[in-house]
């Protein structure tokens, strides 16, 4: 049995690798694996890799075109923003100028209206003074003639003779009015 067991041991040793041989495949496995790898690599290199490169190149072109378009759009947007800001600044400056002009015009209009109102008030006051003076003179003339007539009648009754002479009548009336004005002046001085 020893012979049979030693043959079994030898057969077992040749069939089962040991040590580092456990990690290394057999030579025929390496050969056929290399053949299959070369076939797959050639097929990949000839058919799949060019298609993948083509798709990747198209994507790169699309991305670059999209980036260029985005940059152009960003540049246009920046230019439009700068233009809008310039227009806004110009509109603000123009609005400020219009406000200042309106203020200046308003001030000029108010000043003009004040001058016109002052002139109108002076004209009305002057007209009123003239009218009052005219009415005072008319009243004075009327009063002198009425007072003169009454004074002449009264003096005629007191004196007992007629004062129909106009020169005499005028002197009596003037004296009476002067005395009346003097008594009014004295009365107004006492009140003051």
N, C-alpha and C. Protein backbone atom coordinates (compact mmCIF):
# COMPACT_ATOMS: atom_id res chain seq x y z
N UNK A 1 0.76 -1.16 0.00
CA UNK A 1 0.00 0.00 0.00
C UNK A 1 0.82 1.26 0.00
N UNK A 2 1.87 1.03 0.39
CA UNK A 2 2.76 2.15 0.38
C UNK A 2 3.04 2.62 -1.02
N UNK A 3 3.01 1.65 -1.94
CA UNK A 3 3.28 2.06 -3.29
C UNK A 3 2.08 2.81 -3.84
N UNK A 4 0.97 2.28 -3.52
CA UNK A 4 -0.22 2.95 -4.02
C UNK A 4 -0.39 4.31 -3.35
N UNK A 5 -0.10 4.42 -2.11
CA UNK A 5 -0.23 5.68 -1.42
C UNK A 5 0.86 6.65 -1.87
N UNK A 6 2.00 6.15 -2.21
CA UNK A 6 3.01 7.07 -2.66
C UNK A 6 2.67 7.55 -4.06
N UNK A 7 2.00 6.74 -4.89
CA UNK A 7 1.60 7.18 -6.21
C UNK A 7 0.49 8.21 -6.08
N UNK A 8 -0.39 8.02 -5.12
CA UNK A 8 -1.47 8.96 -4.90
C UNK A 8 -0.91 10.27 -4.40
N UNK A 9 0.10 10.20 -3.60
CA UNK A 9 0.69 11.40 -3.05
C UNK A 9 1.38 12.15 -4.18
N UNK A 10 2.04 11.46 -5.07
CA UNK A 10 2.74 12.09 -6.18
C UNK A 10 1.71 12.70 -7.12
N UNK A 11 0.62 12.00 -7.39
CA UNK A 11 -0.41 12.53 -8.27
C UNK A 11 -1.06 13.75 -7.66
N UNK A 12 -1.23 13.71 -6.34
CA UNK A 12 -1.84 14.84 -5.66
C UNK A 12 -0.92 16.04 -5.71
N UNK A 13 0.38 15.76 -5.65
CA UNK A 13 1.31 16.85 -5.65
C UNK A 13 1.36 17.50 -7.02
N UNK A 14 1.22 16.74 -8.08
CA UNK A 14 1.29 17.33 -9.39
C UNK A 14 0.00 18.04 -9.73
N UNK A 15 -1.08 17.63 -9.21
CA UNK A 15 -2.35 18.25 -9.52
C UNK A 15 -2.59 19.50 -8.69
N UNK A 16 -2.23 19.58 -7.51
CA UNK A 16 -2.49 20.73 -6.66
C UNK A 16 -1.23 21.57 -6.51
N UNK A 17 -1.30 22.81 -6.95
CA UNK A 17 -0.14 23.67 -6.77
C UNK A 17 -0.03 24.09 -5.30
N UNK A 18 1.15 24.40 -4.92
CA UNK A 18 1.37 24.78 -3.55
C UNK A 18 2.23 26.04 -3.50
N UNK A 19 2.11 26.77 -2.44
CA UNK A 19 2.91 27.98 -2.21
C UNK A 19 2.50 29.09 -3.17
N UNK A 20 3.48 29.67 -3.81
CA UNK A 20 3.23 30.78 -4.70
C UNK A 20 2.55 30.34 -5.97
N UNK A 21 2.64 29.08 -6.31
CA UNK A 21 2.01 28.56 -7.50
C UNK A 21 0.50 28.67 -7.40
N UNK A 22 -0.01 28.81 -6.19
CA UNK A 22 -1.45 28.98 -6.00
C UNK A 22 -1.94 30.27 -6.69
N UNK A 23 -1.11 31.27 -6.74
CA UNK A 23 -1.51 32.56 -7.29
C UNK A 23 -1.23 32.68 -8.78
N UNK A 24 -0.42 31.84 -9.36
CA UNK A 24 -0.09 31.90 -10.77
C UNK A 24 -0.94 30.91 -11.54
N UNK A 25 -1.58 31.36 -12.63
CA UNK A 25 -2.38 30.43 -13.41
C UNK A 25 -1.47 29.53 -14.26
N UNK A 26 -2.07 28.56 -14.85
CA UNK A 26 -1.32 27.63 -15.70
C UNK A 26 -0.94 28.33 -16.99
N UNK A 27 0.05 27.85 -17.69
CA UNK A 27 0.57 28.46 -18.91
C UNK A 27 -0.46 28.53 -20.00
N UNK A 28 -1.22 27.47 -20.21
CA UNK A 28 -2.25 27.50 -21.26
C UNK A 28 -3.33 28.54 -20.95
N UNK A 29 -3.63 28.73 -19.64
CA UNK A 29 -4.60 29.77 -19.26
C UNK A 29 -4.05 31.16 -19.60
N UNK A 30 -2.79 31.37 -19.36
CA UNK A 30 -2.18 32.66 -19.66
C UNK A 30 -2.21 32.89 -21.16
N UNK A 31 -1.88 31.87 -21.98
CA UNK A 31 -1.86 32.00 -23.42
C UNK A 31 -3.23 32.36 -23.94
N UNK A 32 -4.23 31.63 -23.60
CA UNK A 32 -5.57 31.88 -24.13
C UNK A 32 -6.15 33.19 -23.57
N UNK A 33 -5.82 33.51 -22.38
CA UNK A 33 -6.27 34.81 -21.82
C UNK A 33 -5.64 35.96 -22.60
N UNK A 34 -4.36 35.81 -22.95
CA UNK A 34 -3.66 36.85 -23.71
C UNK A 34 -4.27 36.96 -25.09
N UNK A 35 -4.64 35.80 -25.74
CA UNK A 35 -5.24 35.83 -27.07
C UNK A 35 -6.58 36.56 -27.01
N UNK A 36 -7.40 36.22 -26.04
CA UNK A 36 -8.71 36.86 -25.92
C UNK A 36 -8.54 38.35 -25.63
N UNK A 37 -7.58 38.71 -24.79
CA UNK A 37 -7.33 40.12 -24.45
C UNK A 37 -6.90 40.89 -25.69
N UNK A 38 -6.06 40.31 -26.53
CA UNK A 38 -5.61 40.96 -27.74
C UNK A 38 -6.78 41.15 -28.69
N UNK A 39 -7.65 40.13 -28.84
CA UNK A 39 -8.81 40.25 -29.72
C UNK A 39 -9.74 41.36 -29.23
N UNK A 40 -10.00 41.39 -27.95
CA UNK A 40 -10.88 42.42 -27.37
C UNK A 40 -10.23 43.80 -27.52
N UNK A 41 -8.92 43.88 -27.29
CA UNK A 41 -8.22 45.16 -27.39
C UNK A 41 -8.24 45.66 -28.82
N UNK A 42 -8.02 44.76 -29.81
CA UNK A 42 -8.04 45.17 -31.20
C UNK A 42 -9.45 45.64 -31.57
N UNK A 43 -10.46 44.90 -31.16
CA UNK A 43 -11.84 45.29 -31.46
C UNK A 43 -12.18 46.62 -30.78
N UNK A 44 -11.75 46.77 -29.54
CA UNK A 44 -12.00 48.01 -28.81
C UNK A 44 -11.30 49.16 -29.50
N UNK A 45 -10.03 48.96 -29.92
CA UNK A 45 -9.23 50.01 -30.54
C UNK A 45 -9.77 50.36 -31.92
N UNK A 46 -10.25 49.39 -32.66
CA UNK A 46 -10.70 49.62 -34.03
C UNK A 46 -12.14 50.14 -34.09
N UNK A 47 -13.03 49.65 -33.24
CA UNK A 47 -14.45 49.97 -33.39
C UNK A 47 -15.00 50.87 -32.28
N UNK A 48 -14.74 50.54 -31.06
CA UNK A 48 -15.37 51.25 -29.94
C UNK A 48 -14.64 52.56 -29.63
N UNK A 49 -13.32 52.54 -29.56
CA UNK A 49 -12.56 53.74 -29.21
C UNK A 49 -12.79 54.88 -30.19
N UNK A 50 -12.82 54.67 -31.52
CA UNK A 50 -13.10 55.79 -32.41
C UNK A 50 -14.51 56.37 -32.18
N UNK A 51 -15.48 55.51 -31.94
CA UNK A 51 -16.84 56.01 -31.67
C UNK A 51 -16.88 56.81 -30.37
N UNK A 52 -16.19 56.31 -29.36
CA UNK A 52 -16.16 57.04 -28.08
C UNK A 52 -15.44 58.37 -28.26
N UNK A 53 -14.32 58.36 -28.99
CA UNK A 53 -13.59 59.62 -29.24
C UNK A 53 -14.45 60.60 -30.03
N UNK A 54 -15.21 60.08 -31.00
CA UNK A 54 -16.08 60.93 -31.79
C UNK A 54 -17.16 61.57 -30.90
N UNK A 55 -17.79 60.76 -30.06
CA UNK A 55 -18.83 61.28 -29.15
C UNK A 55 -18.21 62.29 -28.18
N UNK A 56 -17.04 61.95 -27.64
CA UNK A 56 -16.39 62.88 -26.71
C UNK A 56 -15.98 64.18 -27.41
N UNK A 57 -15.50 64.07 -28.66
CA UNK A 57 -15.15 65.28 -29.40
C UNK A 57 -16.38 66.15 -29.68
N UNK A 58 -17.49 65.49 -30.04
CA UNK A 58 -18.73 66.25 -30.27
C UNK A 58 -19.18 66.94 -28.99
N UNK A 59 -19.11 66.20 -27.91
CA UNK A 59 -19.50 66.82 -26.62
C UNK A 59 -18.57 67.98 -26.28
N UNK A 60 -17.28 67.79 -26.48
CA UNK A 60 -16.32 68.87 -26.20
C UNK A 60 -16.61 70.08 -27.07
N UNK A 61 -16.93 69.83 -28.36
CA UNK A 61 -17.25 70.93 -29.27
C UNK A 61 -18.52 71.64 -28.81
N UNK A 62 -19.54 70.85 -28.43
CA UNK A 62 -20.78 71.46 -27.96
C UNK A 62 -20.54 72.25 -26.68
N UNK A 63 -19.76 71.70 -25.79
CA UNK A 63 -19.49 72.40 -24.53
C UNK A 63 -18.71 73.68 -24.80
N UNK A 64 -17.69 73.60 -25.67
CA UNK A 64 -16.92 74.80 -26.00
C UNK A 64 -17.80 75.84 -26.69
N UNK A 65 -18.67 75.37 -27.61
CA UNK A 65 -19.60 76.30 -28.27
C UNK A 65 -20.56 76.91 -27.26
N UNK A 66 -21.04 76.09 -26.32
CA UNK A 66 -21.93 76.61 -25.28
C UNK A 66 -21.22 77.60 -24.39
N UNK A 67 -19.96 77.32 -24.08
CA UNK A 67 -19.19 78.25 -23.26
C UNK A 67 -18.97 79.55 -24.01
N UNK A 68 -18.64 79.46 -25.31
CA UNK A 68 -18.46 80.68 -26.11
C UNK A 68 -19.76 81.47 -26.18
N UNK A 69 -20.88 80.76 -26.38
CA UNK A 69 -22.17 81.45 -26.42
C UNK A 69 -22.47 82.08 -25.08
N UNK A 70 -22.19 81.35 -24.01
CA UNK A 70 -22.44 81.90 -22.67
C UNK A 70 -21.56 83.12 -22.41
N UNK A 71 -20.30 83.05 -22.85
CA UNK A 71 -19.42 84.20 -22.68
C UNK A 71 -19.92 85.39 -23.50
N UNK A 72 -20.35 85.10 -24.74
CA UNK A 72 -20.87 86.19 -25.58
C UNK A 72 -22.14 86.77 -24.96
N UNK A 73 -23.00 85.90 -24.44
CA UNK A 73 -24.23 86.38 -23.80
C UNK A 73 -23.90 87.18 -22.55
N UNK A 74 -22.92 86.70 -21.78
CA UNK A 74 -22.51 87.43 -20.58
C UNK A 74 -21.94 88.79 -20.94
N UNK A 75 -21.13 88.82 -22.02
CA UNK A 75 -20.55 90.09 -22.46
C UNK A 75 -21.66 91.04 -22.90
N UNK A 76 -22.62 90.52 -23.68
CA UNK A 76 -23.74 91.36 -24.13
C UNK A 76 -24.56 91.84 -22.93
N UNK A 77 -24.77 90.96 -21.96
CA UNK A 77 -25.53 91.35 -20.76
C UNK A 77 -24.78 92.42 -19.98
N UNK A 78 -23.45 92.27 -19.87
CA UNK A 78 -22.65 93.28 -19.17
C UNK A 78 -22.71 94.62 -19.90
N UNK A 79 -22.63 94.58 -21.24
CA UNK A 79 -22.72 95.82 -22.02
C UNK A 79 -24.10 96.46 -21.86
N UNK A 80 -25.14 95.61 -21.89
CA UNK A 80 -26.50 96.15 -21.72
C UNK A 80 -26.67 96.73 -20.33
N UNK A 81 -26.11 96.07 -19.32
CA UNK A 81 -26.20 96.58 -17.95
C UNK A 81 -25.47 97.92 -17.83
N UNK A 82 -24.28 98.00 -18.42
CA UNK A 82 -23.53 99.26 -18.38
C UNK A 82 -24.30 100.36 -19.10
N UNK A 83 -24.91 100.01 -20.24
CA UNK A 83 -25.70 101.00 -20.99
C UNK A 83 -26.92 101.45 -20.17
N UNK A 84 -27.59 100.49 -19.54
CA UNK A 84 -28.75 100.82 -18.72
C UNK A 84 -28.35 101.72 -17.54
N UNK A 85 -27.21 101.38 -16.92
CA UNK A 85 -26.75 102.21 -15.81
C UNK A 85 -26.39 103.61 -16.28
N UNK A 86 -25.79 103.71 -17.46
CA UNK A 86 -25.46 105.03 -17.99
C UNK A 86 -26.74 105.82 -18.29
N UNK A 87 -27.73 105.14 -18.89
CA UNK A 87 -29.01 105.81 -19.17
C UNK A 87 -29.70 106.22 -17.88
N UNK A 88 -29.64 105.36 -16.87
CA UNK A 88 -30.26 105.68 -15.58
C UNK A 88 -29.58 106.87 -14.94
N UNK A 89 -28.25 106.89 -14.98
CA UNK A 89 -27.52 108.03 -14.42
C UNK A 89 -27.85 109.31 -15.18
N UNK A 90 -27.95 109.21 -16.50
CA UNK A 90 -28.30 110.37 -17.32
C UNK A 90 -29.72 110.85 -17.00
N UNK A 91 -30.64 109.89 -16.84
CA UNK A 91 -32.03 110.26 -16.52
C UNK A 91 -32.10 110.91 -15.14
N UNK A 92 -31.32 110.39 -14.19
CA UNK A 92 -31.31 111.00 -12.85
C UNK A 92 -30.75 112.42 -12.91
N UNK A 93 -29.68 112.60 -13.67
CA UNK A 93 -29.09 113.94 -13.79
C UNK A 93 -30.08 114.90 -14.46
N UNK A 94 -30.75 114.41 -15.49
CA UNK A 94 -31.74 115.24 -16.18
C UNK A 94 -32.91 115.58 -15.26
N UNK A 95 -33.35 114.59 -14.47
CA UNK A 95 -34.44 114.85 -13.53
C UNK A 95 -34.02 115.88 -12.48
N UNK A 96 -32.79 115.78 -12.00
CA UNK A 96 -32.30 116.76 -11.03
C UNK A 96 -32.24 118.15 -11.65
N UNK A 97 -31.82 118.22 -12.91
CA UNK A 97 -31.76 119.51 -13.60
C UNK A 97 -33.16 120.09 -13.78
N UNK A 98 -34.12 119.23 -14.16
CA UNK A 98 -35.50 119.68 -14.34
C UNK A 98 -36.06 120.19 -13.00
N UNK A 99 -35.75 119.45 -11.91
CA UNK A 99 -36.22 119.89 -10.59
C UNK A 99 -35.65 121.25 -10.24
N UNK A 100 -34.35 121.44 -10.50
CA UNK A 100 -33.72 122.72 -10.19
C UNK A 100 -34.32 123.84 -11.04
N UNK A 101 -34.56 123.55 -12.32
CA UNK A 101 -35.18 124.56 -13.19
C UNK A 101 -36.59 124.89 -12.70
N UNK A 102 -37.33 123.87 -12.29
CA UNK A 102 -38.69 124.09 -11.79
C UNK A 102 -38.65 124.93 -10.52
N UNK A 103 -37.69 124.63 -9.63
CA UNK A 103 -37.56 125.43 -8.41
C UNK A 103 -37.25 126.88 -8.76
N UNK A 104 -36.31 127.07 -9.69
CA UNK A 104 -35.94 128.43 -10.08
C UNK A 104 -37.13 129.16 -10.70
N UNK A 105 -37.86 128.45 -11.58
CA UNK A 105 -39.05 129.06 -12.19
C UNK A 105 -40.10 129.36 -11.14
N UNK A 106 -40.29 128.45 -10.21
CA UNK A 106 -41.27 128.66 -9.13
C UNK A 106 -40.89 129.87 -8.30
N UNK A 107 -39.60 129.98 -7.97
CA UNK A 107 -39.14 131.12 -7.19
C UNK A 107 -39.35 132.42 -7.98
N UNK A 108 -39.04 132.38 -9.28
CA UNK A 108 -39.22 133.58 -10.11
C UNK A 108 -40.70 133.94 -10.22
N UNK A 109 -41.55 132.93 -10.37
CA UNK A 109 -43.00 133.19 -10.47
C UNK A 109 -43.51 133.78 -9.16
N UNK A 110 -43.09 133.21 -8.03
CA UNK A 110 -43.52 133.73 -6.73
C UNK A 110 -43.04 135.16 -6.55
N UNK A 111 -41.78 135.42 -6.92
CA UNK A 111 -41.24 136.77 -6.80
C UNK A 111 -42.03 137.74 -7.69
N UNK A 112 -42.31 137.32 -8.91
CA UNK A 112 -43.06 138.15 -9.84
C UNK A 112 -44.47 138.43 -9.31
N UNK A 113 -45.10 137.36 -8.78
CA UNK A 113 -46.45 137.54 -8.24
C UNK A 113 -46.44 138.47 -7.02
N UNK A 114 -45.40 138.37 -6.19
CA UNK A 114 -45.30 139.27 -5.03
C UNK A 114 -45.15 140.71 -5.49
N UNK A 115 -44.31 140.91 -6.53
CA UNK A 115 -44.12 142.27 -7.05
C UNK A 115 -45.43 142.80 -7.61
N UNK A 116 -46.12 141.95 -8.40
CA UNK A 116 -47.40 142.38 -8.98
C UNK A 116 -48.43 142.65 -7.89
N UNK A 117 -48.47 141.79 -6.87
CA UNK A 117 -49.43 142.00 -5.78
C UNK A 117 -49.10 143.28 -5.03
N UNK A 118 -47.82 143.54 -4.82
CA UNK A 118 -47.41 144.77 -4.14
C UNK A 118 -47.80 145.99 -4.97
N UNK A 119 -47.54 145.90 -6.27
CA UNK A 119 -47.91 147.02 -7.15
C UNK A 119 -49.43 147.21 -7.16
N UNK A 120 -50.16 146.12 -7.22
CA UNK A 120 -51.63 146.21 -7.23
C UNK A 120 -52.12 146.80 -5.91
N UNK A 121 -51.50 146.38 -4.78
CA UNK A 121 -51.91 146.93 -3.48
C UNK A 121 -51.61 148.42 -3.42
N UNK A 122 -50.44 148.82 -3.93
CA UNK A 122 -50.11 150.25 -3.95
C UNK A 122 -51.09 151.02 -4.83
N UNK A 123 -51.41 150.45 -5.98
CA UNK A 123 -52.35 151.12 -6.88
C UNK A 123 -53.72 151.25 -6.22
N UNK A 124 -54.17 150.17 -5.59
CA UNK A 124 -55.48 150.22 -4.92
C UNK A 124 -55.45 151.22 -3.78
N UNK A 125 -54.36 151.22 -3.01
CA UNK A 125 -54.24 152.17 -1.89
C UNK A 125 -54.22 153.61 -2.41
N UNK A 126 -53.47 153.83 -3.48
CA UNK A 126 -53.41 155.18 -4.05
C UNK A 126 -54.77 155.62 -4.58
N UNK A 127 -55.46 154.69 -5.24
CA UNK A 127 -56.79 155.00 -5.75
C UNK A 127 -57.75 155.32 -4.59
N UNK A 128 -57.64 154.52 -3.53
CA UNK A 128 -58.50 154.76 -2.36
C UNK A 128 -58.19 156.11 -1.73
N UNK A 129 -56.89 156.44 -1.63
CA UNK A 129 -56.53 157.75 -1.06
C UNK A 129 -57.07 158.89 -1.92
N UNK A 130 -56.94 158.74 -3.23
CA UNK A 130 -57.46 159.78 -4.12
C UNK A 130 -58.97 159.92 -3.96
N UNK A 131 -59.63 158.77 -3.92
CA UNK A 131 -61.09 158.80 -3.79
C UNK A 131 -61.50 159.42 -2.46
N UNK A 132 -60.78 159.04 -1.40
CA UNK A 132 -61.10 159.62 -0.08
C UNK A 132 -60.85 161.12 -0.10
N UNK A 133 -59.72 161.52 -0.70
CA UNK A 133 -59.42 162.97 -0.77
C UNK A 133 -60.48 163.70 -1.59
N UNK A 134 -60.91 163.09 -2.70
CA UNK A 134 -61.93 163.74 -3.54
C UNK A 134 -63.25 163.84 -2.77
N UNK A 135 -63.58 162.74 -2.06
CA UNK A 135 -64.82 162.78 -1.28
C UNK A 135 -64.71 163.78 -0.13
N UNK A 136 -63.54 163.87 0.48
CA UNK A 136 -63.35 164.84 1.57
C UNK A 136 -63.49 166.27 1.06
N UNK A 137 -62.89 166.50 -0.11
CA UNK A 137 -63.00 167.85 -0.67
C UNK A 137 -64.44 168.15 -1.06
N UNK A 138 -65.12 167.15 -1.63
CA UNK A 138 -66.52 167.38 -2.00
C UNK A 138 -67.35 167.62 -0.75
N UNK A 139 -67.05 166.83 0.30
CA UNK A 139 -67.79 167.02 1.55
C UNK A 139 -67.46 168.38 2.15
N UNK A 140 -66.20 168.79 2.05
CA UNK A 140 -65.80 170.09 2.59
C UNK A 140 -66.50 171.22 1.85
N UNK A 141 -66.53 171.09 0.51
CA UNK A 141 -67.20 172.13 -0.28
C UNK A 141 -68.68 172.16 0.06
N UNK A 142 -69.27 170.97 0.12
CA UNK A 142 -70.69 170.88 0.43
C UNK A 142 -70.96 171.40 1.84
N UNK A 143 -70.10 170.99 2.76
CA UNK A 143 -70.27 171.42 4.14
C UNK A 143 -70.09 172.93 4.27
N UNK A 144 -69.11 173.49 3.56
CA UNK A 144 -68.89 174.94 3.62
C UNK A 144 -70.12 175.69 3.11
N UNK A 145 -70.66 175.20 2.01
CA UNK A 145 -71.81 175.93 1.47
C UNK A 145 -73.01 175.80 2.41
N UNK A 146 -73.22 174.60 2.96
CA UNK A 146 -74.37 174.43 3.87
C UNK A 146 -74.15 175.16 5.19
N UNK A 147 -72.90 175.01 5.70
CA UNK A 147 -72.60 175.69 6.96
C UNK A 147 -72.64 177.20 6.73
N UNK A 148 -72.14 177.62 5.60
CA UNK A 148 -72.16 179.06 5.30
C UNK A 148 -73.60 179.59 5.25
N UNK A 149 -74.48 178.83 4.59
CA UNK A 149 -75.87 179.25 4.50
C UNK A 149 -76.50 179.28 5.89
N UNK A 150 -76.26 178.20 6.65
CA UNK A 150 -76.84 178.14 8.01
C UNK A 150 -76.25 179.24 8.90
N UNK A 151 -74.93 179.44 8.79
CA UNK A 151 -74.29 180.46 9.63
C UNK A 151 -74.80 181.84 9.25
N UNK A 152 -74.98 182.08 7.99
CA UNK A 152 -75.50 183.38 7.55
C UNK A 152 -76.90 183.59 8.08
N UNK A 153 -77.72 182.57 7.98
CA UNK A 153 -79.09 182.68 8.49
C UNK A 153 -79.09 182.92 10.00
N UNK A 154 -78.25 182.16 10.69
CA UNK A 154 -78.18 182.29 12.15
C UNK A 154 -77.65 183.66 12.53
N UNK A 155 -76.59 184.09 11.85
CA UNK A 155 -76.01 185.40 12.16
C UNK A 155 -77.01 186.51 11.83
N UNK A 156 -77.79 186.34 10.78
CA UNK A 156 -78.78 187.34 10.43
C UNK A 156 -79.83 187.43 11.53
N UNK A 157 -80.19 186.33 12.07
CA UNK A 157 -81.19 186.31 13.13
C UNK A 157 -80.61 186.92 14.40
N UNK A 158 -79.33 186.62 14.68
CA UNK A 158 -78.73 187.13 15.90
C UNK A 158 -78.47 188.62 15.75
N UNK A 159 -77.92 189.04 14.66
CA UNK A 159 -77.56 190.43 14.46
C UNK A 159 -78.81 191.24 14.15
N UNK A 160 -79.70 190.64 13.56
CA UNK A 160 -80.94 191.32 13.24
C UNK A 160 -80.89 192.04 11.93
N UNK A 161 -79.86 191.90 11.17
CA UNK A 161 -79.83 192.51 9.86
C UNK A 161 -79.43 191.47 8.84
N UNK A 162 -79.66 191.72 7.65
CA UNK A 162 -79.45 190.76 6.58
C UNK A 162 -77.98 190.73 6.18
N UNK A 163 -77.48 189.50 6.02
CA UNK A 163 -76.09 189.32 5.58
C UNK A 163 -76.10 188.73 4.18
N UNK A 164 -76.82 189.31 3.34
CA UNK A 164 -76.99 188.77 1.99
C UNK A 164 -75.78 189.10 1.11
N UNK A 165 -74.99 190.04 1.51
CA UNK A 165 -73.81 190.41 0.74
C UNK A 165 -72.85 189.22 0.75
N UNK A 166 -72.41 188.81 -0.42
CA UNK A 166 -71.61 187.57 -0.52
C UNK A 166 -70.22 187.76 0.07
N UNK A 167 -69.61 188.89 -0.02
CA UNK A 167 -68.28 189.12 0.56
C UNK A 167 -68.38 189.04 2.06
N UNK A 168 -69.36 189.65 2.61
CA UNK A 168 -69.55 189.62 4.04
C UNK A 168 -69.88 188.20 4.48
N UNK A 169 -70.72 187.59 3.74
CA UNK A 169 -71.12 186.21 4.06
C UNK A 169 -69.90 185.29 4.02
N UNK A 170 -69.05 185.48 3.05
CA UNK A 170 -67.86 184.64 2.90
C UNK A 170 -66.91 184.85 4.07
N UNK A 171 -66.73 186.08 4.52
CA UNK A 171 -65.85 186.36 5.66
C UNK A 171 -66.41 185.72 6.93
N UNK A 172 -67.70 185.81 7.15
CA UNK A 172 -68.33 185.24 8.34
C UNK A 172 -68.17 183.72 8.32
N UNK A 173 -68.41 183.10 7.18
CA UNK A 173 -68.31 181.64 7.06
C UNK A 173 -66.87 181.20 7.29
N UNK A 174 -65.92 181.91 6.68
CA UNK A 174 -64.51 181.53 6.84
C UNK A 174 -64.08 181.67 8.29
N UNK A 175 -64.48 182.72 8.95
CA UNK A 175 -64.13 182.91 10.36
C UNK A 175 -64.74 181.79 11.21
N UNK A 176 -65.98 181.46 10.93
CA UNK A 176 -66.67 180.41 11.69
C UNK A 176 -65.97 179.06 11.50
N UNK A 177 -65.60 178.76 10.27
CA UNK A 177 -64.93 177.48 9.99
C UNK A 177 -63.54 177.45 10.61
N UNK A 178 -62.82 178.57 10.59
CA UNK A 178 -61.49 178.61 11.21
C UNK A 178 -61.61 178.38 12.71
N UNK A 179 -62.60 179.00 13.33
CA UNK A 179 -62.81 178.78 14.76
C UNK A 179 -63.20 177.32 15.05
N UNK A 180 -63.98 176.75 14.15
CA UNK A 180 -64.40 175.34 14.31
C UNK A 180 -63.19 174.40 14.18
N UNK A 181 -62.32 174.66 13.21
CA UNK A 181 -61.13 173.83 13.04
C UNK A 181 -60.18 173.99 14.21
N UNK A 182 -60.04 175.20 14.71
CA UNK A 182 -59.16 175.44 15.85
C UNK A 182 -59.68 174.71 17.09
N UNK A 183 -60.98 174.73 17.30
CA UNK A 183 -61.54 174.02 18.47
C UNK A 183 -61.38 172.51 18.32
N UNK A 184 -61.46 171.99 17.08
CA UNK A 184 -61.26 170.55 16.88
C UNK A 184 -59.79 170.19 17.11
N UNK A 185 -58.85 171.06 16.72
CA UNK A 185 -57.43 170.80 16.91
C UNK A 185 -57.11 170.78 18.41
N UNK A 186 -57.70 171.68 19.16
CA UNK A 186 -57.47 171.74 20.60
C UNK A 186 -58.03 170.46 21.25
N UNK A 187 -59.21 170.03 20.80
CA UNK A 187 -59.84 168.83 21.35
C UNK A 187 -59.03 167.57 21.04
N UNK A 188 -58.47 167.50 19.85
CA UNK A 188 -57.67 166.32 19.49
C UNK A 188 -56.35 166.31 20.23
N UNK A 189 -55.76 167.47 20.54
CA UNK A 189 -54.52 167.55 21.30
C UNK A 189 -54.75 167.12 22.74
N UNK A 190 -55.91 167.47 23.30
CA UNK A 190 -56.24 167.09 24.67
C UNK A 190 -56.43 165.56 24.75
N UNK A 191 -56.98 164.96 23.73
CA UNK A 191 -57.21 163.51 23.73
C UNK A 191 -55.89 162.75 23.60
N UNK A 192 -54.95 163.33 22.87
CA UNK A 192 -53.66 162.66 22.66
C UNK A 192 -52.83 162.80 23.90
